[in-house]
Amino acid sequence: QVQLVESGGGLVQVGGSLRLSCAASGRAFSSYGMGWFRQAPGKEREFVAAISRYGSSKDYADSVKGRCTISRDNAKATVYLQMNSLKPEDTAVYYCAARHTGTSRIGATYDSWGQGTQVTVSS
């Protein structure tokens, strides 16, 4: 498994931007497909975005498509989620996760999870 630590969350106004980071501490980061999920109070965990091991494949939830960009830097063992035009509906705890080897929208297929970072979008 790989250890994951999210950062970059915080409080932002409607229409603002945030860049979330997920740093991996482990071997062979490029072996992992990476995903971002979020969970708001009282709601189920929701898929946000995913990226394959080398970044050639990307997948986005319809709710964030066009506003978010997932990317990775394998040399830094880090995956990013750039979020623009933020809405109150984006408020949630955001988690990154790792799996072998490509993209997936299903959280249960991911083997490792970070602790999460809070994103709050104020209206």
C-alpha atoms as a PDB file:
ATOM      1  CA  GLN A   1       0.000   0.000   0.000  1.00  0.00           C
ATOM      2  CA  VAL A   2       0.863   3.654  -0.287  1.00  0.00           C
ATOM      3  CA  GLN A   3       0.407   6.358   2.325  1.00  0.00           C
ATOM      4  CA  LEU A   4      -1.475   9.414   1.118  1.00  0.00           C
ATOM      5  CA  VAL A   5      -1.737  12.881   2.640  1.00  0.00           C
ATOM      6  CA  GLU A   6      -4.096  15.512   1.253  1.00  0.00           C
ATOM      7  CA  SER A   7      -3.595  19.234   1.623  1.00  0.00           C
ATOM      8  CA  GLY A   8      -4.810  22.488   0.141  1.00  0.00           C
ATOM      9  CA  GLY A   9      -8.344  22.555   1.440  1.00  0.00           C
ATOM     10  CA  GLY A  10      -9.848  25.530   3.156  1.00  0.00           C
ATOM     11  CA  LEU A  11     -12.533  28.170   3.060  1.00  0.00           C
ATOM     12  CA  VAL A  12     -13.215  29.885  -0.230  1.00  0.00           C
ATOM     13  CA  GLN A  13     -15.971  32.101  -1.568  1.00  0.00           C
ATOM     14  CA  VAL A  14     -18.312  31.148  -4.365  1.00  0.00           C
ATOM     15  CA  GLY A  15     -16.507  31.413  -7.681  1.00  0.00           C
ATOM     16  CA  GLY A  16     -13.093  31.006  -6.139  1.00  0.00           C
ATOM     17  CA  SER A  17     -10.443  28.401  -6.769  1.00  0.00           C
ATOM     18  CA  LEU A  18      -8.499  25.842  -4.797  1.00  0.00           C
ATOM     19  CA  ARG A  19      -5.739  23.439  -5.662  1.00  0.00           C
ATOM     20  CA  LEU A  20      -5.735  20.257  -3.666  1.00  0.00           C
ATOM     21  CA  SER A  21      -2.617  18.146  -3.404  1.00  0.00           C
ATOM     22  CA  CYS A  22      -2.150  14.530  -2.448  1.00  0.00           C
ATOM     23  CA  ALA A  23       1.372  13.485  -1.595  1.00  0.00           C
ATOM     24  CA  ALA A  24       2.267   9.813  -1.640  1.00  0.00           C
ATOM     25  CA  SER A  25       4.786   8.296   0.700  1.00  0.00           C
ATOM     26  CA  GLY A  26       5.693   4.908  -0.646  1.00  0.00           C
ATOM     27  CA  ARG A  27       7.201   3.016  -3.506  1.00  0.00           C
ATOM     28  CA  ALA A  28       6.358   3.108  -7.175  1.00  0.00           C
ATOM     29  CA  PHE A  29       3.871   5.965  -7.292  1.00  0.00           C
ATOM     30  CA  SER A  30       3.680   5.593 -11.060  1.00  0.00           C
ATOM     31  CA  SER A  31       2.177   2.133 -10.563  1.00  0.00           C
ATOM     32  CA  TYR A  32      -1.015   3.636  -9.166  1.00  0.00           C
ATOM     33  CA  GLY A  33      -4.076   5.072 -10.678  1.00  0.00           C
ATOM     34  CA  MET A  34      -5.287   7.903  -8.484  1.00  0.00           C
ATOM     35  CA  GLY A  35      -8.715   9.208  -7.684  1.00  0.00           C
ATOM     36  CA  TRP A  36     -10.400  12.041  -5.843  1.00  0.00           C
ATOM     37  CA  PHE A  37     -13.626  11.511  -3.936  1.00  0.00           C
ATOM     38  CA  ARG A  38     -15.662  13.750  -1.698  1.00  0.00           C
ATOM     39  CA  GLN A  39     -18.224  13.322   1.028  1.00  0.00           C
ATOM     40  CA  ALA A  40     -20.586  15.938   2.363  1.00  0.00           C
ATOM     41  CA  PRO A  41     -22.410  15.589   5.699  1.00  0.00           C
ATOM     42  CA  GLY A  42     -25.322  13.203   5.427  1.00  0.00           C
ATOM     43  CA  LYS A  43     -24.395  12.130   1.910  1.00  0.00           C
ATOM     44  CA  GLU A  44     -22.625   9.175   0.401  1.00  0.00           C
ATOM     45  CA  ARG A  45     -19.100   9.328  -0.877  1.00  0.00           C
ATOM     46  CA  GLU A  46     -19.032  10.749  -4.381  1.00  0.00           C
ATOM     47  CA  PHE A  47     -16.569  10.266  -7.193  1.00  0.00           C
ATOM     48  CA  VAL A  48     -14.905  13.457  -8.390  1.00  0.00           C
ATOM     49  CA  ALA A  49     -12.020  12.633 -10.716  1.00  0.00           C
ATOM     50  CA  ALA A  50      -9.494   9.954 -11.566  1.00  0.00           C
ATOM     51  CA  ILE A  51      -6.235   9.686 -13.463  1.00  0.00           C
ATOM     52  CA  SER A  52      -4.319   6.688 -14.737  1.00  0.00           C
ATOM     53  CA  ARG A  53      -0.767   5.858 -13.766  1.00  0.00           C
ATOM     54  CA  TYR A  54       0.916   8.028 -16.375  1.00  0.00           C
ATOM     55  CA  GLY A  55      -1.856  10.555 -16.777  1.00  0.00           C
ATOM     56  CA  SER A  56      -2.941   9.436 -20.219  1.00  0.00           C
ATOM     57  CA  SER A  57      -6.508   8.748 -19.094  1.00  0.00           C
ATOM     58  CA  LYS A  58      -8.658  11.069 -17.021  1.00  0.00           C
ATOM     59  CA  ASP A  59     -12.215  10.814 -15.847  1.00  0.00           C
ATOM     60  CA  TYR A  60     -14.476  13.402 -14.231  1.00  0.00           C
ATOM     61  CA  ALA A  61     -17.840  13.411 -12.604  1.00  0.00           C
ATOM     62  CA  ASP A  62     -20.413  15.404 -14.527  1.00  0.00           C
ATOM     63  CA  SER A  63     -20.829  17.716 -11.561  1.00  0.00           C
ATOM     64  CA  VAL A  64     -17.251  18.982 -11.836  1.00  0.00           C
ATOM     65  CA  LYS A  65     -16.432  18.513 -15.508  1.00  0.00           C
ATOM     66  CA  GLY A  66     -15.208  21.756 -16.991  1.00  0.00           C
ATOM     67  CA  ARG A  67     -14.425  23.224 -13.580  1.00  0.00           C
ATOM     68  CA  CYS A  68     -11.870  20.755 -12.268  1.00  0.00           C
ATOM     69  CA  THR A  69      -8.622  19.374 -13.599  1.00  0.00           C
ATOM     70  CA  ILE A  70      -6.830  16.350 -12.231  1.00  0.00           C
ATOM     71  CA  SER A  71      -3.114  16.025 -12.858  1.00  0.00           C
ATOM     72  CA  ARG A  72      -0.106  14.243 -11.462  1.00  0.00           C
ATOM     73  CA  ASP A  73       3.619  14.635 -11.146  1.00  0.00           C
ATOM     74  CA  ASN A  74       5.143  11.217 -10.753  1.00  0.00           C
ATOM     75  CA  ALA A  75       8.580  12.669 -10.056  1.00  0.00           C
ATOM     76  CA  LYS A  76       7.082  14.378  -7.004  1.00  0.00           C
ATOM     77  CA  ALA A  77       4.758  11.480  -6.218  1.00  0.00           C
ATOM     78  CA  THR A  78       1.868  13.914  -6.057  1.00  0.00           C
ATOM     79  CA  VAL A  79      -1.574  14.156  -7.599  1.00  0.00           C
ATOM     80  CA  TYR A  80      -3.466  17.433  -7.844  1.00  0.00           C
ATOM     81  CA  LEU A  81      -7.020  18.578  -8.188  1.00  0.00           C
ATOM     82  CA  GLN A  82      -7.428  22.111  -9.474  1.00  0.00           C
ATOM     83  CA  MET A  83     -10.924  23.374  -8.734  1.00  0.00           C
ATOM     84  CA  ASN A  84     -12.276  26.560 -10.260  1.00  0.00           C
ATOM     85  CA  SER A  85     -15.620  28.326 -10.189  1.00  0.00           C
ATOM     86  CA  LEU A  86     -16.408  26.705  -6.889  1.00  0.00           C
ATOM     87  CA  LYS A  87     -19.993  26.352  -5.757  1.00  0.00           C
ATOM     88  CA  PRO A  88     -21.528  25.745  -2.331  1.00  0.00           C
ATOM     89  CA  GLU A  89     -22.370  22.239  -3.546  1.00  0.00           C
ATOM     90  CA  ASP A  90     -18.637  21.537  -3.702  1.00  0.00           C
ATOM     91  CA  THR A  91     -18.400  21.763   0.080  1.00  0.00           C
ATOM     92  CA  ALA A  92     -17.193  18.403   1.361  1.00  0.00           C
ATOM     93  CA  VAL A  93     -14.266  16.494   2.728  1.00  0.00           C
ATOM     94  CA  TYR A  94     -12.073  15.555  -0.211  1.00  0.00           C
ATOM     95  CA  TYR A  95     -10.130  12.311  -0.223  1.00  0.00           C
ATOM     96  CA  CYS A  96      -7.497  10.992  -2.548  1.00  0.00           C
ATOM     97  CA  ALA A  97      -7.102   7.298  -3.159  1.00  0.00           C
ATOM     98  CA  ALA A  98      -4.794   4.890  -4.959  1.00  0.00           C
ATOM     99  CA  ARG A  99      -5.379   1.700  -6.901  1.00  0.00           C
ATOM    100  CA  HIS A 100      -3.804  -0.492  -9.563  1.00  0.00           C
ATOM    101  CA  THR A 101      -3.537   0.815 -12.259  1.00  0.00           C
ATOM    102  CA  GLY A 102      -6.052   2.862 -14.199  1.00  0.00           C
ATOM    103  CA  THR A 103      -9.098   4.957 -13.510  1.00  0.00           C
ATOM    104  CA  SER A 104     -12.175   3.906 -11.590  1.00  0.00           C
ATOM    105  CA  ARG A 105     -15.293   5.643 -10.332  1.00  0.00           C
ATOM    106  CA  ILE A 106     -15.867   2.995  -7.681  1.00  0.00           C
ATOM    107  CA  GLY A 107     -14.383   3.755  -4.305  1.00  0.00           C
ATOM    108  CA  ALA A 108     -14.293   0.116  -3.259  1.00  0.00           C
ATOM    109  CA  THR A 109     -11.731  -0.591  -5.973  1.00  0.00           C
ATOM    110  CA  TYR A 110      -9.179   1.709  -4.342  1.00  0.00           C
ATOM    111  CA  ASP A 111      -6.723   0.198  -1.895  1.00  0.00           C
ATOM    112  CA  SER A 112      -5.320   3.225  -0.079  1.00  0.00           C
ATOM    113  CA  TRP A 113      -6.954   6.414   1.156  1.00  0.00           C
ATOM    114  CA  GLY A 114      -5.791   9.667   2.618  1.00  0.00           C
ATOM    115  CA  GLN A 115      -7.218  11.311   5.710  1.00  0.00           C
ATOM    116  CA  GLY A 116      -9.130  13.927   3.766  1.00  0.00           C
ATOM    117  CA  THR A 117      -9.049  17.695   3.522  1.00  0.00           C
ATOM    118  CA  GLN A 118     -12.012  19.978   4.131  1.00  0.00           C
ATOM    119  CA  VAL A 119     -13.239  22.258   1.375  1.00  0.00           C
ATOM    120  CA  THR A 120     -15.846  24.811   2.348  1.00  0.00           C
ATOM    121  CA  VAL A 121     -17.392  27.120  -0.230  1.00  0.00           C
ATOM    122  CA  SER A 122     -19.303  29.991   1.304  1.00  0.00           C
ATOM    123  CA  SER A 123     -22.260  31.598  -0.402  1.00  0.00           C
END
